[in-house]
Amino acid sequence: MTNEKYAQTFTFDKGLTLKNRFVMAPMTTKMSFYDGVITEDEKRYYHMRSKEVGAVITAAANVSENGKGWEGELGVYDDKHIAGLSDLAASIKVNGTKAFLQLYHGGRITQSSVLKGTQPVAPSSVKALRPNSEVPRELEEEEIYRIIDDYKEAAIRAVKAGFDGIELHGANTYLIQQFFSPHSNRRTDQWGGSMEKRFTFIDKLVDAVTAAAKEAAAEPFIVGYRFSPEEIETPGIRFNETLYLVEKLCQKPLDYLHVSLRDYKQVSQLDDYQDKPMLAYLNEQIDGRIPFISVGDIRTGEDAKAALENSELVALGRVLLSDPNWVSKVMADKEEMIRYNVAEEERDVLALTNGVWGFMQGMMPDRLR
C-alpha cells in the first residue's frame, strides 16, 4: 500500500476524519424525479462510487423551487425530500466514506420551461451570455432574504437526513456566484455596486448557514464553499477579485474551500498571474488557514500528487465515472488496470445514465487512450 499524501487520513478542525485525501467531485446526474425526489438509479450510482474515496460531494440540490436549473435535479427545498436524502446519505456512507450534500440555486442559469412558466430570477435583470438564456427578473430584497432562509432550511434538512456536511455551490455561474459577478450583479443597493457590496450576499449567506448548521447538528457537521476563479464575461470576475473573495472566506467559520477548475494546471487569464497555476496562487492566499480542495482533470496518481502540493484534499470527477475503483488501483500501484473508456453497452453496469454520461464523451486525452 502506498504511503503517498493522498493515502493519509485528514481530520477537519471539528473532528470529522476522512480515511484518505480523495473526494468525489459534484457532477450533474439528471437522475432525480420531476419533483426533486431521488431515484433508485441515483442511489445506485453513488453507492457504486462511495466505498473508496474519503468523501462524496453530491450533485447540486436546489434549495428553492425557483432555483431549479434542469430536469432530473435533486431537490432539498421541502421536507418531502428528507426521506430520499436520508437514503442517499446512507448509500454513500459505506466503508467509512463521508457524505456532503451540495446546496445550490440556479438563479438566471435556467429557463422558464424548467420552472413551469415562471421567469428565472437573478441579482439583476441581465441575461447570461449563453445559448437560449432568458432575461431574468431582478430579485426584491425580501426575496433575497427568503433565499438565504431557504439555504438555512436546506442545511437543516441535510443534518436531519444524516449527511456529514454540505457544500455551498458558489461556482459555475449559479446564483451565489451571480451576486459576486459584475456581469450578473448591476445593483446599486447594499447587494451590489462595489466588489465589497457584491460580497454582501455571500457574507450573509455563509454566516446564516454556518450558524444554522451548528445549532442543528449534534455531531461534527462540515460546511464548505465552492468557487470558480474567473469568468469569461466582460465585465466579469477576474482572478484578483477571487483572491479578495478567498481572503474574506478564510475569515468565515467555514470548514473548507473547493475550487472549480477544468485543469489543476490551469493558468489565469490575467497577465499578472501567469507565473504559476491559479491553484498555487490560491493556496498561497489561503496560507493553511482553511483546508483547500483542488480539482481538474486528475487522471493518474501523479496528477493527484501534483495537485496535493497546493491543497489538502483532491477531488476526482470523470475517472470515477469510468472506474469506480480508481482509488484502490492507484493506492495499490496498479494503475495499468484502470478503465478510462466506457462502451455504450457498459453504461448500465456502471450506472451511467442521463447527465453523467455526458461527462464521459470525449473525456480521455491521447496520453491515456
Protein backbone atom coordinates (compact mmCIF):
# COMPACT_ATOMS: atom_id res chain seq x y z
CA MET A 1 0.00 0.00 0.00
CA THR A 2 1.31 3.44 -0.89
CA ASN A 3 2.48 5.98 1.68
CA GLU A 4 1.72 8.96 -0.56
CA LYS A 5 -0.05 12.01 0.86
CA TYR A 6 -3.29 11.05 -0.86
CA ALA A 7 -3.44 7.84 1.20
CA GLN A 8 -3.20 9.70 4.52
CA THR A 9 -6.21 10.45 6.67
CA PHE A 10 -7.41 14.04 7.06
CA THR A 11 -9.20 15.48 10.08
CA PHE A 12 -11.18 18.73 9.96
CA ASP A 13 -10.95 21.10 12.92
CA LYS A 14 -14.43 19.98 14.01
CA GLY A 15 -13.15 16.43 14.42
CA LEU A 16 -14.55 14.72 11.31
CA THR A 17 -11.91 12.42 9.80
CA LEU A 18 -11.65 11.34 6.16
CA LYS A 19 -9.95 7.99 5.56
CA ASN A 20 -7.91 9.44 2.65
CA ARG A 21 -7.44 12.69 0.74
CA PHE A 22 -9.64 11.77 -2.24
CA VAL A 23 -13.09 13.36 -2.63
CA MET A 24 -15.64 12.59 -5.31
CA ALA A 25 -16.40 15.86 -7.10
CA PRO A 26 -20.00 17.01 -7.55
CA MET A 27 -21.24 16.07 -11.03
CA THR A 28 -24.67 16.66 -12.52
CA THR A 29 -26.65 13.41 -12.72
CA LYS A 30 -30.13 14.42 -14.00
CA MET A 31 -31.43 11.23 -12.40
CA SER A 32 -33.99 12.52 -9.88
CA PHE A 33 -37.76 12.54 -10.29
CA TYR A 34 -39.55 15.65 -11.67
CA ASP A 35 -40.14 16.91 -8.10
CA GLY A 36 -36.52 16.51 -6.96
CA VAL A 37 -37.03 13.21 -5.14
CA ILE A 38 -34.13 10.80 -5.55
CA THR A 39 -34.41 7.64 -7.64
CA GLU A 40 -33.05 4.14 -7.17
CA ASP A 41 -30.75 4.69 -10.17
CA GLU A 42 -29.20 7.70 -8.45
CA LYS A 43 -28.65 5.86 -5.18
CA ARG A 44 -27.03 3.00 -7.07
CA TYR A 45 -24.76 5.44 -8.94
CA TYR A 46 -23.47 6.98 -5.70
CA HIS A 47 -23.22 3.70 -3.80
CA MET A 48 -21.04 2.24 -6.53
CA ARG A 49 -18.52 5.11 -6.21
CA SER A 50 -18.58 5.65 -2.46
CA LYS A 51 -16.57 2.81 -0.99
CA GLU A 52 -13.03 4.04 -1.63
CA VAL A 53 -12.95 7.86 -1.51
CA GLY A 54 -12.74 9.78 1.75
CA ALA A 55 -15.90 11.76 0.97
CA VAL A 56 -18.52 12.21 -1.73
CA ILE A 57 -19.93 15.62 -2.65
CA THR A 58 -23.30 15.13 -4.33
CA ALA A 59 -24.60 16.85 -7.43
CA ALA A 60 -26.31 20.19 -6.84
CA ALA A 61 -29.56 20.07 -4.86
CA ASN A 62 -31.79 23.11 -5.31
CA VAL A 63 -32.79 24.93 -2.13
CA SER A 64 -35.70 26.86 -3.70
CA GLU A 65 -38.35 25.78 -6.17
CA ASN A 66 -37.47 28.72 -8.41
CA GLY A 67 -33.81 27.71 -8.22
CA LYS A 68 -34.20 24.54 -10.29
CA GLY A 69 -31.78 24.56 -13.20
CA TRP A 70 -32.62 21.39 -15.14
CA GLU A 71 -34.91 18.39 -15.24
CA GLY A 72 -33.82 15.47 -13.09
CA GLU A 73 -32.25 17.75 -10.48
CA LEU A 74 -32.08 16.70 -6.84
CA GLY A 75 -34.24 18.76 -4.50
CA VAL A 76 -33.78 19.86 -0.89
CA TYR A 77 -36.35 22.67 -0.83
CA ASP A 78 -39.07 20.75 1.03
CA ASP A 79 -39.33 18.33 3.95
CA LYS A 80 -40.70 15.75 1.50
CA HIS A 81 -37.13 15.29 0.27
CA ILE A 82 -35.69 14.27 3.66
CA ALA A 83 -36.58 10.56 3.40
CA GLY A 84 -34.95 10.18 -0.01
CA LEU A 85 -31.94 12.25 1.03
CA SER A 86 -31.56 10.00 4.06
CA ASP A 87 -31.41 7.00 1.72
CA LEU A 88 -28.84 8.86 -0.39
CA ALA A 89 -26.64 9.64 2.61
CA ALA A 90 -26.83 6.00 3.69
CA SER A 91 -25.91 4.79 0.20
CA ILE A 92 -22.77 6.96 0.32
CA LYS A 93 -21.71 6.27 3.90
CA VAL A 94 -20.35 2.78 3.30
CA ASN A 95 -16.89 1.66 4.32
CA GLY A 96 -16.37 4.88 6.27
CA THR A 97 -16.92 7.32 3.38
CA LYS A 98 -18.41 10.69 4.40
CA ALA A 99 -21.38 12.30 2.61
CA PHE A 100 -21.63 16.01 1.75
CA LEU A 101 -24.74 17.48 0.09
CA GLN A 102 -24.13 20.34 -2.34
CA LEU A 103 -26.66 23.18 -1.95
CA TYR A 104 -27.44 25.48 -4.85
CA HIS A 105 -29.82 27.90 -6.56
CA GLY A 106 -29.60 28.26 -10.33
CA GLY A 107 -30.51 31.92 -10.48
CA ARG A 108 -30.52 33.06 -14.11
CA ILE A 109 -28.99 29.78 -15.33
CA THR A 110 -32.31 28.07 -16.01
CA GLN A 111 -35.33 28.51 -18.22
CA SER A 112 -38.99 29.31 -17.65
CA SER A 113 -39.87 25.93 -19.20
CA VAL A 114 -37.96 24.18 -16.39
CA LEU A 115 -39.70 26.44 -13.85
CA LYS A 116 -43.16 25.59 -15.27
CA GLY A 117 -43.66 29.06 -16.77
CA THR A 118 -42.08 31.12 -14.00
CA GLN A 119 -39.44 33.68 -15.05
CA PRO A 120 -35.93 32.94 -13.72
CA VAL A 121 -34.62 35.28 -11.02
CA ALA A 122 -31.18 36.84 -10.52
CA PRO A 123 -29.45 39.73 -8.75
CA SER A 124 -30.16 41.92 -11.81
CA SER A 125 -32.24 41.70 -14.94
CA VAL A 126 -29.29 40.77 -17.17
CA LYS A 127 -29.31 37.55 -19.15
CA ALA A 128 -26.39 35.15 -19.30
CA LEU A 129 -24.15 35.07 -22.36
CA ARG A 130 -25.03 31.56 -23.40
CA PRO A 131 -27.40 29.99 -25.93
CA ASN A 132 -31.12 30.01 -25.08
CA SER A 133 -30.65 32.17 -22.00
CA GLU A 134 -33.59 34.26 -20.83
CA VAL A 135 -33.76 37.69 -19.25
CA PRO A 136 -34.25 37.08 -15.51
CA ARG A 137 -36.33 39.10 -13.10
CA GLU A 138 -34.36 41.15 -10.58
CA LEU A 139 -34.83 39.86 -7.04
CA GLU A 140 -36.53 42.08 -4.48
CA GLU A 141 -34.67 42.47 -1.20
CA GLU A 142 -37.22 40.42 0.75
CA GLU A 143 -36.78 37.62 -1.81
CA ILE A 144 -33.02 37.68 -1.27
CA TYR A 145 -33.50 37.14 2.46
CA ARG A 146 -36.01 34.38 1.67
CA ILE A 147 -33.40 32.58 -0.43
CA ILE A 148 -30.90 32.86 2.41
CA ASP A 149 -33.54 31.27 4.65
CA ASP A 150 -34.02 28.55 2.03
CA TYR A 151 -30.31 27.72 2.26
CA LYS A 152 -30.55 27.60 6.06
CA GLU A 153 -33.55 25.25 5.93
CA ALA A 154 -31.80 23.08 3.34
CA ALA A 155 -28.77 22.79 5.62
CA ILE A 156 -31.02 21.67 8.48
CA ARG A 157 -32.64 19.07 6.21
CA ALA A 158 -29.16 17.78 5.32
CA VAL A 159 -28.44 17.35 9.03
CA LYS A 160 -31.75 15.52 9.56
CA ALA A 161 -31.05 13.27 6.57
CA GLY A 162 -27.77 12.10 8.08
CA PHE A 163 -25.24 13.90 5.89
CA ASP A 164 -21.83 14.69 7.35
CA GLY A 165 -21.75 18.13 5.76
CA ILE A 166 -22.87 20.47 3.00
CA GLU A 167 -21.14 22.43 0.27
CA LEU A 168 -22.39 25.87 -0.80
CA HIS A 169 -22.21 25.90 -4.60
CA GLY A 170 -20.73 29.34 -5.24
CA ALA A 171 -19.22 28.28 -8.58
CA ASN A 172 -20.09 27.65 -12.24
CA THR A 173 -22.10 30.90 -12.68
CA TYR A 174 -25.06 29.92 -10.46
CA LEU A 175 -26.85 32.30 -8.08
CA ILE A 176 -24.21 32.67 -5.37
CA GLN A 177 -21.58 33.50 -7.97
CA GLN A 178 -24.06 35.75 -9.78
CA PHE A 179 -24.15 38.04 -6.75
CA PHE A 180 -20.35 38.39 -6.79
CA SER A 181 -20.09 38.83 -10.56
CA PRO A 182 -20.14 42.36 -12.04
CA HIS A 183 -21.79 40.89 -15.13
CA SER A 184 -24.87 39.48 -13.43
CA ASN A 185 -24.99 41.92 -10.50
CA ARG A 186 -25.62 45.52 -11.61
CA ARG A 187 -27.42 46.52 -8.40
CA THR A 188 -26.83 49.87 -6.70
CA ASP A 189 -28.20 48.96 -3.25
CA GLN A 190 -26.43 47.15 -0.39
CA TRP A 191 -26.25 43.97 -2.52
CA GLY A 192 -24.23 45.36 -5.41
CA GLY A 193 -22.01 48.01 -6.94
CA SER A 194 -18.51 47.80 -5.49
CA MET A 195 -16.68 44.50 -5.08
CA GLU A 196 -17.25 44.77 -1.34
CA LYS A 197 -21.01 45.17 -1.82
CA ARG A 198 -21.12 42.31 -4.32
CA PHE A 199 -19.75 40.15 -1.49
CA THR A 200 -22.72 41.07 0.78
CA PHE A 201 -24.92 38.14 -0.24
CA ILE A 202 -22.11 35.63 0.28
CA ASP A 203 -21.23 37.26 3.60
CA LYS A 204 -24.77 37.00 4.96
CA LEU A 205 -25.37 33.56 3.43
CA VAL A 206 -22.27 31.93 4.93
CA ASP A 207 -22.98 33.41 8.36
CA ALA A 208 -26.60 32.25 8.27
CA VAL A 209 -25.89 28.72 7.05
CA THR A 210 -22.94 28.02 9.34
CA ALA A 211 -24.94 29.23 12.34
CA ALA A 212 -27.97 27.13 11.39
CA ALA A 213 -25.85 24.02 10.86
CA LYS A 214 -24.04 24.49 14.15
CA GLU A 215 -27.34 24.76 16.02
CA ALA A 216 -28.95 21.78 14.25
CA ALA A 217 -26.12 19.26 14.32
CA ALA A 218 -25.19 17.21 17.36
CA GLU A 219 -22.24 15.58 15.59
CA PRO A 220 -19.42 17.32 13.70
CA PHE A 221 -21.01 18.79 10.55
CA ILE A 222 -18.91 20.30 7.78
CA VAL A 223 -19.78 23.42 5.77
CA GLY A 224 -17.68 24.01 2.66
CA TYR A 225 -17.76 26.58 -0.14
CA ARG A 226 -17.01 26.03 -3.84
CA PHE A 227 -15.98 28.87 -6.17
CA SER A 228 -14.89 29.46 -9.77
CA PRO A 229 -11.76 31.64 -10.06
CA GLU A 230 -12.56 33.52 -13.27
CA GLU A 231 -15.35 34.39 -15.68
CA ILE A 232 -15.03 34.91 -19.43
CA GLU A 233 -17.69 37.65 -19.50
CA THR A 234 -16.84 41.34 -19.63
CA PRO A 235 -17.37 42.68 -17.08
CA GLY A 236 -16.79 39.51 -15.13
CA ILE A 237 -14.99 38.07 -12.12
CA ARG A 238 -11.22 38.35 -12.54
CA PHE A 239 -8.61 36.43 -10.61
CA ASN A 240 -7.60 39.36 -8.40
CA GLU A 241 -11.24 39.63 -7.29
CA THR A 242 -11.29 35.92 -6.49
CA LEU A 243 -8.22 36.37 -4.28
CA TYR A 244 -10.25 39.01 -2.41
CA LEU A 245 -13.16 36.58 -2.16
CA VAL A 246 -10.91 33.82 -0.83
CA GLU A 247 -9.40 36.17 1.73
CA LYS A 248 -12.87 37.08 3.01
CA LEU A 249 -13.98 33.43 3.09
CA CYS A 250 -10.89 32.46 5.09
CA GLN A 251 -12.21 34.74 7.83
CA LYS A 252 -15.54 32.90 7.95
CA PRO A 253 -16.46 29.83 10.06
CA LEU A 254 -16.17 27.54 7.03
CA ASP A 255 -14.55 24.10 7.09
CA TYR A 256 -13.08 24.05 3.60
CA LEU A 257 -12.82 25.86 0.26
CA HIS A 258 -13.16 23.98 -3.03
CA VAL A 259 -12.09 25.48 -6.34
CA SER A 260 -13.82 24.60 -9.63
CA LEU A 261 -11.28 24.15 -12.44
CA ARG A 262 -11.18 22.27 -15.74
CA ASP A 263 -7.49 21.51 -15.18
CA TYR A 264 -5.48 21.73 -11.95
CA LYS A 265 -2.62 23.22 -14.02
CA GLN A 266 -4.85 26.00 -15.40
CA VAL A 267 -3.29 29.47 -15.57
CA SER A 268 -5.12 32.78 -15.09
CA GLN A 269 -6.29 34.99 -17.95
CA LEU A 270 -4.64 37.97 -16.20
CA ASP A 271 -1.08 38.85 -17.17
CA ASP A 272 -0.16 39.49 -13.52
CA TYR A 273 -0.90 35.87 -12.54
CA GLN A 274 0.72 33.70 -15.19
CA ASP A 275 3.91 32.63 -13.44
CA LYS A 276 2.21 29.55 -11.97
CA PRO A 277 -1.16 27.80 -11.93
CA MET A 278 -4.12 29.50 -10.26
CA LEU A 279 -4.14 26.62 -7.79
CA ALA A 280 -0.74 27.71 -6.46
CA TYR A 281 -1.78 31.36 -6.08
CA LEU A 282 -4.98 30.32 -4.31
CA ASN A 283 -3.09 28.04 -1.95
CA GLU A 284 -0.68 30.88 -1.11
CA GLN A 285 -3.60 33.21 -0.39
CA ILE A 286 -5.27 30.63 1.88
CA ASP A 287 -1.94 30.00 3.60
CA GLY A 288 -3.10 26.97 5.56
CA ARG A 289 -5.90 28.82 7.32
CA ILE A 290 -8.63 26.58 5.93
CA PRO A 291 -8.50 23.20 4.17
CA PHE A 292 -8.43 23.52 0.39
CA ILE A 293 -9.76 21.04 -2.19
CA SER A 294 -8.13 21.00 -5.62
CA VAL A 295 -9.70 19.56 -8.77
CA GLY A 296 -9.32 19.48 -12.52
CA ASP A 297 -8.53 16.65 -14.91
CA ILE A 298 -6.97 14.37 -12.29
CA ARG A 299 -6.33 11.15 -14.23
CA THR A 300 -3.39 9.48 -12.50
CA GLY A 301 -1.75 9.12 -9.12
CA GLU A 302 0.95 11.54 -10.31
CA ASP A 303 -1.73 14.12 -11.13
CA ALA A 304 -3.14 13.72 -7.63
CA LYS A 305 0.30 14.13 -6.06
CA ALA A 306 0.93 17.30 -8.07
CA ALA A 307 -2.45 18.80 -7.15
CA LEU A 308 -1.91 17.98 -3.47
CA GLU A 309 1.24 20.10 -3.48
CA ASN A 310 -1.19 23.03 -3.41
CA SER A 311 -4.11 21.59 -1.43
CA GLU A 312 -5.05 19.32 1.45
CA LEU A 313 -7.63 17.27 -0.48
CA VAL A 314 -8.15 16.47 -4.16
CA ALA A 315 -11.46 15.95 -5.96
CA LEU A 316 -11.97 13.29 -8.63
CA GLY A 317 -14.57 13.56 -11.36
CA ARG A 318 -14.72 11.66 -14.62
CA VAL A 319 -12.21 8.99 -13.64
CA LEU A 320 -14.69 7.74 -11.03
CA LEU A 321 -17.38 7.55 -13.69
CA SER A 322 -15.34 5.22 -15.86
CA ASP A 323 -13.76 3.30 -12.98
CA PRO A 324 -15.39 3.37 -9.51
CA ASN A 325 -12.31 1.50 -8.21
CA TRP A 326 -9.80 4.09 -9.43
CA VAL A 327 -8.69 4.93 -5.87
CA SER A 328 -7.85 1.38 -4.82
CA LYS A 329 -5.94 0.80 -8.06
CA VAL A 330 -3.88 3.95 -7.55
CA MET A 331 -3.27 3.06 -3.90
CA ALA A 332 -2.08 -0.42 -4.86
CA ASP A 333 0.20 0.89 -7.64
CA LYS A 334 -1.89 -0.93 -10.25
CA GLU A 335 -2.79 1.99 -12.48
CA GLU A 336 -2.39 -0.14 -15.58
CA MET A 337 -5.67 -1.79 -14.56
CA ILE A 338 -7.67 1.45 -14.54
CA ARG A 339 -10.57 1.63 -17.00
CA TYR A 340 -10.61 5.01 -18.78
CA ASN A 341 -13.06 4.35 -21.59
CA VAL A 342 -16.60 3.02 -21.40
CA ALA A 343 -18.50 1.47 -24.28
CA GLU A 344 -22.15 2.33 -24.82
CA GLU A 345 -23.23 -1.17 -23.80
CA GLU A 346 -21.38 -0.82 -20.46
CA ARG A 347 -23.35 2.23 -19.34
CA ASP A 348 -25.92 0.37 -17.29
CA VAL A 349 -23.34 -1.75 -15.50
CA LEU A 350 -21.67 1.46 -14.31
CA ALA A 351 -24.98 3.28 -13.61
CA LEU A 352 -24.05 5.96 -16.15
CA THR A 353 -27.43 7.37 -17.12
CA ASN A 354 -28.58 10.80 -18.25
CA GLY A 355 -26.33 13.66 -17.13
CA VAL A 356 -23.25 11.73 -16.05
CA TRP A 357 -22.96 10.03 -19.43
CA GLY A 358 -22.34 13.48 -20.89
CA PHE A 359 -19.20 13.79 -18.78
CA MET A 360 -17.87 10.66 -20.43
CA GLN A 361 -17.98 11.88 -24.01
CA GLY A 362 -14.54 12.66 -25.39
CA MET A 363 -13.07 12.67 -21.91
CA MET A 364 -9.73 10.99 -22.48
CA PRO A 365 -6.61 12.79 -23.69
CA ASP A 366 -4.36 10.99 -26.16
CA ARG A 367 -1.84 10.13 -23.43
CA LEU A 368 -4.33 7.74 -21.83
CA ARG A 369 -6.18 6.28 -24.80
